[in-house]
Amino acid sequence: MDNEFILNVKSELDKTSWNFERKEIIKKAVKTLRDDGYKDTEIRELFKIEAFKEQDNSQMINNNARYMELLNEILNS
């Protein structure tokens, strides 16, 4: 479920170019993962795992960097 869930979240993120929408998507994902018992450090790792798998596409790397920034912003608030 973990990897598939993150892939679905990232697919949803890729469909929008607005950071406020992306932030809402990530907030929902964080809430879901927290409700499932994941700690913030585990959530960060889940998002990073997919970033490594997508490194062959520079656009994906750029998006993942942005997603990680938004994720860190949400987890730190």
N, C-alpha and C. Protein backbone atom coordinates (compact mmCIF):
# COMPACT_ATOMS: atom_id res chain seq x y z
N MET A 1 0.83 -1.20 0.00
CA MET A 1 0.00 0.00 0.00
C MET A 1 0.87 1.25 0.00
N ASP A 2 1.96 1.23 0.74
CA ASP A 2 2.79 2.43 0.91
C ASP A 2 3.28 3.01 -0.41
N ASN A 3 4.00 2.19 -1.18
CA ASN A 3 4.55 2.69 -2.44
C ASN A 3 3.46 3.04 -3.43
N GLU A 4 2.43 2.23 -3.50
CA GLU A 4 1.32 2.51 -4.42
C GLU A 4 0.61 3.81 -4.01
N PHE A 5 0.42 3.99 -2.72
CA PHE A 5 -0.21 5.20 -2.21
C PHE A 5 0.60 6.43 -2.60
N ILE A 6 1.93 6.37 -2.39
CA ILE A 6 2.79 7.51 -2.72
C ILE A 6 2.80 7.75 -4.23
N LEU A 7 2.82 6.70 -5.02
CA LEU A 7 2.77 6.87 -6.48
C LEU A 7 1.48 7.57 -6.89
N ASN A 8 0.37 7.20 -6.27
CA ASN A 8 -0.91 7.85 -6.57
C ASN A 8 -0.89 9.32 -6.16
N VAL A 9 -0.32 9.59 -5.00
CA VAL A 9 -0.21 10.98 -4.53
C VAL A 9 0.63 11.79 -5.51
N LYS A 10 1.77 11.23 -5.90
CA LYS A 10 2.65 11.96 -6.82
C LYS A 10 2.01 12.14 -8.19
N SER A 11 1.24 11.18 -8.62
CA SER A 11 0.51 11.32 -9.88
C SER A 11 -0.46 12.48 -9.79
N GLU A 12 -1.15 12.56 -8.66
CA GLU A 12 -2.08 13.67 -8.44
C GLU A 12 -1.32 15.00 -8.40
N LEU A 13 -0.16 15.01 -7.75
CA LEU A 13 0.65 16.23 -7.67
C LEU A 13 1.10 16.68 -9.05
N ASP A 14 1.46 15.73 -9.90
CA ASP A 14 1.93 16.05 -11.24
C ASP A 14 0.85 16.66 -12.12
N LYS A 15 -0.41 16.44 -11.75
CA LYS A 15 -1.52 16.96 -12.56
C LYS A 15 -1.81 18.43 -12.29
N THR A 16 -1.20 19.00 -11.25
CA THR A 16 -1.44 20.41 -10.94
C THR A 16 -0.12 21.16 -10.92
N SER A 17 -0.18 22.42 -11.25
CA SER A 17 1.04 23.24 -11.24
C SER A 17 0.98 24.31 -10.14
N TRP A 18 -0.05 24.27 -9.34
CA TRP A 18 -0.21 25.29 -8.30
C TRP A 18 0.24 24.74 -6.95
N ASN A 19 1.18 25.44 -6.32
CA ASN A 19 1.72 24.95 -5.05
C ASN A 19 0.68 24.87 -3.95
N PHE A 20 -0.32 25.79 -3.95
CA PHE A 20 -1.33 25.69 -2.88
C PHE A 20 -2.16 24.43 -3.04
N GLU A 21 -2.42 24.00 -4.28
CA GLU A 21 -3.13 22.74 -4.51
C GLU A 21 -2.26 21.55 -4.14
N ARG A 22 -0.99 21.64 -4.50
CA ARG A 22 -0.06 20.57 -4.15
C ARG A 22 0.05 20.42 -2.63
N LYS A 23 0.07 21.55 -1.96
CA LYS A 23 0.16 21.54 -0.49
C LYS A 23 -1.04 20.82 0.11
N GLU A 24 -2.22 21.08 -0.42
CA GLU A 24 -3.44 20.42 0.07
C GLU A 24 -3.39 18.91 -0.17
N ILE A 25 -2.89 18.51 -1.33
CA ILE A 25 -2.76 17.08 -1.65
C ILE A 25 -1.80 16.42 -0.67
N ILE A 26 -0.67 17.08 -0.41
CA ILE A 26 0.32 16.53 0.51
C ILE A 26 -0.23 16.50 1.93
N LYS A 27 -0.96 17.54 2.33
CA LYS A 27 -1.58 17.56 3.67
C LYS A 27 -2.50 16.36 3.86
N LYS A 28 -3.32 16.08 2.85
CA LYS A 28 -4.23 14.93 2.93
C LYS A 28 -3.45 13.63 3.03
N ALA A 29 -2.38 13.52 2.24
CA ALA A 29 -1.55 12.31 2.27
C ALA A 29 -0.90 12.14 3.64
N VAL A 30 -0.38 13.23 4.19
CA VAL A 30 0.26 13.17 5.52
C VAL A 30 -0.76 12.75 6.56
N LYS A 31 -1.96 13.31 6.50
CA LYS A 31 -2.99 12.95 7.47
C LYS A 31 -3.32 11.46 7.37
N THR A 32 -3.49 10.98 6.14
CA THR A 32 -3.79 9.56 5.93
C THR A 32 -2.68 8.68 6.50
N LEU A 33 -1.44 9.02 6.19
CA LEU A 33 -0.31 8.22 6.66
C LEU A 33 -0.18 8.29 8.18
N ARG A 34 -0.39 9.47 8.75
CA ARG A 34 -0.35 9.59 10.22
C ARG A 34 -1.46 8.76 10.85
N ASP A 35 -2.64 8.81 10.26
CA ASP A 35 -3.77 8.01 10.76
C ASP A 35 -3.46 6.52 10.70
N ASP A 36 -2.62 6.13 9.73
CA ASP A 36 -2.22 4.73 9.59
C ASP A 36 -1.04 4.38 10.50
N GLY A 37 -0.59 5.35 11.31
CA GLY A 37 0.45 5.08 12.30
C GLY A 37 1.86 5.44 11.89
N TYR A 38 2.02 6.09 10.75
CA TYR A 38 3.36 6.48 10.31
C TYR A 38 3.85 7.71 11.06
N LYS A 39 5.13 7.71 11.38
CA LYS A 39 5.77 8.88 11.99
C LYS A 39 6.28 9.78 10.87
N ASP A 40 6.53 11.05 11.21
CA ASP A 40 6.97 12.02 10.20
C ASP A 40 8.24 11.57 9.48
N THR A 41 9.18 10.97 10.22
CA THR A 41 10.42 10.51 9.57
C THR A 41 10.13 9.41 8.56
N GLU A 42 9.18 8.54 8.87
CA GLU A 42 8.79 7.48 7.94
C GLU A 42 8.10 8.05 6.71
N ILE A 43 7.29 9.08 6.91
CA ILE A 43 6.60 9.72 5.80
C ILE A 43 7.61 10.35 4.84
N ARG A 44 8.62 11.02 5.40
CA ARG A 44 9.67 11.61 4.56
C ARG A 44 10.36 10.53 3.74
N GLU A 45 10.66 9.40 4.38
CA GLU A 45 11.34 8.31 3.69
C GLU A 45 10.47 7.74 2.56
N LEU A 46 9.18 7.63 2.79
CA LEU A 46 8.28 7.14 1.74
C LEU A 46 8.34 8.04 0.51
N PHE A 47 8.32 9.35 0.74
CA PHE A 47 8.38 10.29 -0.38
C PHE A 47 9.74 10.21 -1.08
N LYS A 48 10.82 10.00 -0.32
CA LYS A 48 12.17 9.92 -0.90
C LYS A 48 12.35 8.66 -1.74
N ILE A 49 11.80 7.55 -1.30
CA ILE A 49 11.96 6.28 -2.01
C ILE A 49 11.56 6.44 -3.47
N GLU A 50 10.42 7.02 -3.71
CA GLU A 50 9.95 7.19 -5.08
C GLU A 50 10.83 8.18 -5.84
N ALA A 51 11.39 9.16 -5.16
CA ALA A 51 12.27 10.12 -5.82
C ALA A 51 13.48 9.40 -6.42
N PHE A 52 14.04 8.43 -5.70
CA PHE A 52 15.18 7.68 -6.22
C PHE A 52 14.79 6.87 -7.45
N LYS A 53 13.62 6.29 -7.45
CA LYS A 53 13.18 5.47 -8.58
C LYS A 53 12.96 6.31 -9.84
N GLU A 54 12.74 7.58 -9.67
CA GLU A 54 12.39 8.44 -10.80
C GLU A 54 13.56 9.30 -11.27
N GLN A 55 14.75 9.02 -10.81
CA GLN A 55 15.89 9.90 -11.08
C GLN A 55 16.30 9.97 -12.54
N ASP A 56 15.86 9.06 -13.37
CA ASP A 56 16.28 9.10 -14.77
C ASP A 56 15.59 10.22 -15.54
N ASN A 57 14.61 10.84 -14.96
CA ASN A 57 13.88 11.92 -15.64
C ASN A 57 14.11 13.22 -14.86
N SER A 58 14.82 14.18 -15.45
CA SER A 58 15.19 15.39 -14.72
C SER A 58 13.96 16.20 -14.28
N GLN A 59 12.90 16.17 -15.06
CA GLN A 59 11.67 16.87 -14.65
C GLN A 59 11.12 16.26 -13.37
N MET A 60 11.18 14.93 -13.26
CA MET A 60 10.71 14.24 -12.06
C MET A 60 11.55 14.65 -10.86
N ILE A 61 12.87 14.75 -11.05
CA ILE A 61 13.75 15.14 -9.95
C ILE A 61 13.38 16.53 -9.46
N ASN A 62 13.16 17.45 -10.40
CA ASN A 62 12.78 18.81 -10.02
C ASN A 62 11.46 18.81 -9.27
N ASN A 63 10.49 18.06 -9.76
CA ASN A 63 9.20 17.98 -9.08
C ASN A 63 9.37 17.37 -7.70
N ASN A 64 10.16 16.30 -7.59
CA ASN A 64 10.34 15.65 -6.30
C ASN A 64 10.99 16.59 -5.30
N ALA A 65 11.93 17.40 -5.75
CA ALA A 65 12.56 18.38 -4.85
C ALA A 65 11.50 19.35 -4.34
N ARG A 66 10.63 19.80 -5.23
CA ARG A 66 9.56 20.72 -4.81
C ARG A 66 8.59 20.03 -3.86
N TYR A 67 8.25 18.78 -4.16
CA TYR A 67 7.32 18.05 -3.30
C TYR A 67 7.93 17.84 -1.92
N MET A 68 9.23 17.56 -1.87
CA MET A 68 9.89 17.36 -0.58
C MET A 68 9.91 18.66 0.22
N GLU A 69 10.12 19.80 -0.46
CA GLU A 69 10.08 21.09 0.22
C GLU A 69 8.70 21.32 0.82
N LEU A 70 7.65 21.08 0.04
CA LEU A 70 6.29 21.25 0.53
C LEU A 70 6.00 20.28 1.68
N LEU A 71 6.44 19.04 1.53
CA LEU A 71 6.24 18.05 2.59
C LEU A 71 6.91 18.50 3.88
N ASN A 72 8.15 18.96 3.79
CA ASN A 72 8.86 19.42 4.98
C ASN A 72 8.18 20.61 5.62
N GLU A 73 7.67 21.51 4.80
CA GLU A 73 6.91 22.67 5.29
C GLU A 73 5.69 22.20 6.09
N ILE A 74 4.97 21.24 5.55
CA ILE A 74 3.76 20.72 6.20
C ILE A 74 4.11 19.97 7.49
N LEU A 75 5.12 19.12 7.43
CA LEU A 75 5.49 18.34 8.61
C LEU A 75 6.05 19.22 9.72
N ASN A 76 6.66 20.34 9.36
CA ASN A 76 7.26 21.24 10.36
C ASN A 76 6.27 22.25 10.92
N SER A 77 5.07 22.30 10.37
CA SER A 77 4.10 23.30 10.85
C SER A 77 3.24 22.77 11.97
